[in-house]
Amino acid sequence: MARALVIAGLLVWPFAALAEETALDKAMRKDPDRFAGRVGDLIAGFGGPDGLGLAGIEEHIALERAGARASTLRRFLALDLDADGAVDRAELQVSQRAANAEGRGRLERQFVAADADGNGRADAAELAEQGRLAGLRALGEDEAGLLRSLMALDADGNGAVSADEVARAVAGLEKAG
């Protein structure tokens, strides 16, 4: 009896896995027009004549994260009044005096987060870490994984996803469900 259950389970398991909706399916179903538009933008911006390949997706991920890192580091560099590559509490306080109450609080929170060792000074390594974290907040691993999963839409197997393949995948999901 137990053997029969194991065999039945092995026969049913692949079909159950096929029935599970992937994150990519969910993204397409949530708002098909928006999905197709955003992927179309990625194809146009980071793809080639054949469509968007994994290298283009990785470039997009890297660029989004780099932009967030740059923004974070730019804010900290604006606090570095003596241009030594670090921000200390005295420099922070000068900038806080020029900010409104909300801005003072935000500056304090960001400085405390950056000053990982709590020595009252956010050095270059600590600032770089804040930039790295900002990049991951801007485009986290879940979203990066979802972007990479776009390659599953490559119906012709040429290593690139075209706008036509995206449109067919969206239409297929809409018909199925």
Protein backbone atom coordinates (compact mmCIF):
# COMPACT_ATOMS: atom_id res chain seq x y z
CA MET A 1 0.00 0.00 0.00
CA ALA A 2 2.76 2.45 0.96
CA ARG A 3 4.59 1.61 -2.26
CA ALA A 4 1.46 2.37 -4.28
CA LEU A 5 1.15 5.78 -2.56
CA VAL A 6 4.79 6.59 -3.34
CA ILE A 7 4.30 5.64 -6.99
CA ALA A 8 1.09 7.66 -7.20
CA GLY A 9 2.85 10.61 -5.60
CA LEU A 10 5.69 10.41 -8.11
CA LEU A 11 3.19 10.36 -10.97
CA VAL A 12 1.20 13.34 -9.67
CA TRP A 13 4.12 15.49 -8.43
CA PRO A 14 5.33 16.77 -11.84
CA PHE A 15 1.81 17.87 -12.75
CA ALA A 16 1.34 19.63 -9.40
CA ALA A 17 4.58 21.51 -9.99
CA LEU A 18 3.33 22.60 -13.40
CA ALA A 19 0.13 23.92 -11.82
CA GLU A 20 2.02 26.19 -9.41
CA GLU A 21 2.00 29.78 -10.50
CA THR A 22 5.47 31.30 -10.74
CA ALA A 23 6.39 34.83 -9.70
CA LEU A 24 6.68 35.64 -13.40
CA ASP A 25 3.14 34.37 -14.02
CA LYS A 26 1.86 36.44 -11.09
CA ALA A 27 3.59 39.56 -12.42
CA MET A 28 2.04 39.05 -15.86
CA ARG A 29 -1.43 38.38 -14.43
CA LYS A 30 -1.40 41.32 -12.02
CA ASP A 31 -1.44 43.94 -14.77
CA PRO A 32 -0.70 42.43 -18.19
CA ASP A 33 -0.53 45.76 -20.04
CA ARG A 34 1.84 47.29 -17.50
CA PHE A 35 3.98 44.14 -17.50
CA ALA A 36 4.23 44.09 -21.29
CA GLY A 37 5.02 47.83 -21.34
CA ARG A 38 7.77 47.61 -18.73
CA VAL A 39 9.37 44.56 -20.35
CA GLY A 40 9.06 46.31 -23.71
CA ASP A 41 10.97 49.25 -22.26
CA LEU A 42 13.68 46.90 -21.01
CA ILE A 43 13.90 45.23 -24.41
CA ALA A 44 14.22 48.61 -26.13
CA GLY A 45 16.72 49.95 -23.63
CA PHE A 46 18.90 46.95 -22.89
CA GLY A 47 18.21 44.51 -25.72
CA GLY A 48 19.44 44.17 -29.24
CA PRO A 49 17.81 43.43 -32.58
CA ASP A 50 16.86 39.92 -31.41
CA GLY A 51 15.47 41.08 -28.06
CA LEU A 52 16.62 41.16 -24.45
CA GLY A 53 19.22 38.65 -23.31
CA LEU A 54 20.50 37.81 -19.86
CA ALA A 55 23.46 40.18 -20.30
CA GLY A 56 21.05 43.07 -20.90
CA ILE A 57 19.04 42.11 -17.82
CA GLU A 58 22.22 42.05 -15.73
CA GLU A 59 23.20 45.48 -17.10
CA HIS A 60 19.80 46.86 -16.10
CA ILE A 61 20.12 45.41 -12.59
CA ALA A 62 23.64 46.82 -12.22
CA LEU A 63 22.60 50.26 -13.50
CA GLU A 64 19.60 50.51 -11.15
CA ARG A 65 21.74 49.55 -8.18
CA ALA A 66 24.55 51.89 -9.22
CA GLY A 67 22.12 54.80 -9.41
CA ALA A 68 20.88 54.14 -5.89
CA ARG A 69 24.45 53.78 -4.60
CA ALA A 70 25.43 57.05 -6.25
CA SER A 71 22.45 58.87 -4.77
CA THR A 72 23.24 57.64 -1.27
CA LEU A 73 26.95 58.41 -1.54
CA ARG A 74 26.19 61.85 -3.01
CA ARG A 75 24.12 62.69 0.09
CA PHE A 76 26.94 61.63 2.39
CA LEU A 77 29.59 63.44 0.35
CA ALA A 78 27.57 66.63 0.73
CA LEU A 79 28.04 66.24 4.50
CA ASP A 80 31.81 65.71 4.21
CA LEU A 81 32.75 69.33 4.84
CA ASP A 82 36.52 68.77 5.15
CA ALA A 83 36.69 66.45 2.11
CA ASP A 84 38.47 63.65 3.98
CA GLY A 85 36.16 60.95 2.61
CA ALA A 86 34.32 60.44 5.90
CA VAL A 87 31.55 62.16 7.83
CA ASP A 88 31.89 62.79 11.53
CA ARG A 89 29.30 63.93 14.05
CA ALA A 90 30.51 67.58 13.93
CA GLU A 91 29.98 67.71 10.15
CA LEU A 92 26.59 66.10 10.58
CA GLN A 93 25.57 68.73 13.13
CA VAL A 94 26.49 71.60 10.79
CA SER A 95 24.24 70.13 8.10
CA GLN A 96 21.48 69.42 10.61
CA ARG A 97 21.38 73.09 11.59
CA ALA A 98 20.54 73.97 8.00
CA ALA A 99 17.77 71.35 7.73
CA ASN A 100 14.17 71.41 8.88
CA ALA A 101 13.07 69.14 11.75
CA GLU A 102 12.20 66.23 9.49
CA GLY A 103 15.47 66.60 7.61
CA ARG A 104 17.45 66.67 10.87
CA GLY A 105 15.84 63.42 11.93
CA ARG A 106 16.49 61.78 8.57
CA LEU A 107 20.14 62.90 8.62
CA GLU A 108 20.55 61.50 12.13
CA ARG A 109 18.99 58.17 11.19
CA GLN A 110 21.14 57.85 8.07
CA PHE A 111 24.31 58.78 9.95
CA VAL A 112 23.64 56.29 12.77
CA ALA A 113 22.99 53.56 10.19
CA ALA A 114 26.21 54.39 8.35
CA ASP A 115 28.36 54.58 11.50
CA ALA A 116 28.34 50.80 11.93
CA ASP A 117 31.03 50.72 14.62
CA GLY A 118 29.45 53.57 16.57
CA ASN A 119 32.62 55.64 16.80
CA GLY A 120 30.91 58.90 15.73
CA ARG A 121 32.46 58.79 12.27
CA ALA A 122 31.19 57.17 9.08
CA ASP A 123 34.36 56.26 7.19
CA ALA A 124 34.75 55.38 3.52
CA ALA A 125 34.14 51.64 4.06
CA GLU A 126 30.99 52.32 6.08
CA LEU A 127 29.74 54.76 3.45
CA ALA A 128 30.43 52.23 0.69
CA GLU A 129 28.39 49.66 2.62
CA GLN A 130 25.50 52.12 2.87
CA GLY A 131 25.71 52.57 -0.89
CA ARG A 132 25.66 48.81 -1.45
CA LEU A 133 22.62 48.44 0.80
CA ALA A 134 20.86 51.29 -1.02
CA GLY A 135 21.45 49.46 -4.29
CA LEU A 136 19.85 46.31 -2.91
CA ARG A 137 16.91 48.29 -1.55
CA ALA A 138 16.41 49.88 -4.96
CA LEU A 139 16.44 46.51 -6.73
CA GLY A 140 16.50 43.55 -4.39
CA GLU A 141 17.34 39.95 -5.11
CA ASP A 142 13.67 38.99 -5.46
CA GLU A 143 13.13 41.58 -8.16
CA ALA A 144 16.46 40.72 -9.81
CA GLY A 145 15.39 37.08 -9.85
CA LEU A 146 12.08 38.03 -11.42
CA LEU A 147 13.91 39.99 -14.11
CA ARG A 148 16.20 37.04 -14.79
CA SER A 149 13.17 34.77 -15.04
CA LEU A 150 12.06 36.76 -18.09
CA MET A 151 14.38 34.45 -20.02
CA ALA A 152 11.74 31.74 -19.56
CA LEU A 153 9.67 33.67 -22.13
CA ASP A 154 12.32 33.00 -24.81
CA ALA A 155 10.05 30.70 -26.82
CA ASP A 156 12.37 30.26 -29.80
CA GLY A 157 15.44 29.50 -27.67
CA ASN A 158 17.66 32.15 -29.27
CA GLY A 159 18.86 33.49 -25.91
CA ALA A 160 16.78 36.67 -26.10
CA VAL A 161 13.22 37.67 -25.25
CA SER A 162 11.42 39.67 -27.91
CA ALA A 163 8.37 41.90 -27.56
CA ASP A 164 6.40 39.35 -29.61
CA GLU A 165 7.35 36.56 -27.18
CA VAL A 166 6.24 38.68 -24.25
CA ALA A 167 2.93 39.48 -25.95
CA ARG A 168 2.32 35.78 -26.71
CA ALA A 169 3.14 34.78 -23.12
CA VAL A 170 0.79 37.41 -21.69
CA ALA A 171 -1.97 36.41 -24.10
CA GLY A 172 -1.46 32.74 -23.24
CA LEU A 173 -1.77 33.42 -19.52
CA GLU A 174 -4.88 35.52 -20.05
CA LYS A 175 -6.50 32.70 -22.07
CA ALA A 176 -5.54 30.12 -19.46
CA GLY A 177 -6.91 31.93 -16.54
